[in-house]
Each structure stands twice: as structure tokens, then as C-alpha cells.
Protein backbone atom coordinates (compact mmCIF):
# COMPACT_ATOMS: atom_id res chain seq x y z
CA MET A 1 27.98 -38.64 -16.87
CA LEU A 2 25.32 -36.16 -17.91
CA ARG A 3 24.19 -36.14 -21.49
CA PRO A 4 23.58 -32.83 -23.31
CA PHE A 5 19.77 -33.08 -23.18
CA ASN A 6 19.89 -33.83 -19.45
CA LEU A 7 22.18 -30.85 -18.96
CA GLN A 8 19.71 -28.63 -20.83
CA GLY A 9 16.88 -29.83 -18.61
CA ILE A 10 18.89 -29.05 -15.47
CA GLU A 11 19.88 -25.66 -16.89
CA SER A 12 16.26 -24.68 -17.58
CA LYS A 13 15.25 -25.74 -14.05
CA THR A 14 18.15 -23.77 -12.60
CA LYS A 15 17.12 -20.67 -14.55
CA LYS A 16 13.58 -21.00 -13.19
CA HIS A 17 14.88 -21.29 -9.63
CA LEU A 18 17.24 -18.35 -10.14
CA SER A 19 14.49 -16.15 -11.58
CA TRP A 20 12.31 -16.97 -8.55
CA PHE A 21 15.24 -16.36 -6.21
CA TYR A 22 16.01 -12.95 -7.73
CA GLY A 23 12.31 -12.07 -7.72
CA PHE A 24 12.34 -12.79 -3.97
CA LEU A 25 15.58 -10.87 -3.28
CA GLU A 26 14.86 -7.79 -5.39
CA PRO A 27 12.37 -6.12 -2.98
CA VAL A 28 14.63 -7.05 -0.05
CA ILE A 29 17.70 -5.39 -1.58
CA GLU A 30 15.92 -2.19 -2.61
């Protein structure tokens, strides 16, 4: 099972990946 601090670490990494992903998609969508 994941502990809260591990979950926070994964969440921050996911947010970084999502921000990069949206930064890549934005010019493609427009």
C-alpha cells in the first residue's frame, strides 16, 4: 500500500508530466 508521503511524491511527478504534456499539446490543438 502507498503511504501518504509516497502518494504526494507521485502526485507531484504526475503534475509535472501533465504540465509538460499539455505544453506539448497546446500548440497542436490551436
